[in-house]
Protein backbone atom coordinates (compact mmCIF):
# COMPACT_ATOMS: atom_id res chain seq x y z
CA MET A 1 -47.57 -0.57 30.65
CA LEU A 2 -51.19 0.01 31.48
CA ASN A 3 -49.87 3.01 29.55
CA ALA A 4 -49.43 1.42 26.33
CA LYS A 5 -52.41 -0.49 25.38
CA MET A 6 -50.93 -3.50 26.38
CA SER A 7 -53.57 -6.59 27.39
CA VAL A 8 -53.21 -7.95 31.29
CA PRO A 9 -52.60 -11.39 28.93
CA GLU A 10 -49.10 -10.08 27.43
CA ILE A 11 -47.81 -7.25 30.32
CA ALA A 12 -47.97 -10.94 32.96
CA ALA A 13 -46.60 -12.86 29.75
CA GLU A 14 -43.51 -9.28 29.48
CA ILE A 15 -42.81 -9.77 33.37
CA GLY A 16 -43.20 -12.85 33.61
CA ARG A 17 -46.05 -13.14 35.81
CA HIS A 18 -49.20 -15.08 36.31
CA VAL A 19 -52.29 -13.32 34.87
CA SER A 20 -54.20 -13.26 38.24
CA THR A 21 -51.37 -11.76 39.66
CA VAL A 22 -51.20 -8.63 36.90
CA TYR A 23 -55.17 -7.56 38.12
CA ARG A 24 -54.61 -7.91 42.07
CA ASP A 25 -51.41 -5.64 41.38
CA ILE A 26 -54.09 -3.08 39.02
CA LYS A 27 -56.53 -2.80 40.83
CA ARG A 28 -54.15 -2.80 44.28
CA THR A 29 -52.22 -0.01 42.59
CA GLY A 30 -55.01 1.63 40.23
């Protein structure tokens, strides 16, 4: 998803998660 050049809030809205959750997943998965 990050490769699609979406902002984190956009990704969060797409997958139905909180922005903070998305940030944590990004840090965890690299």
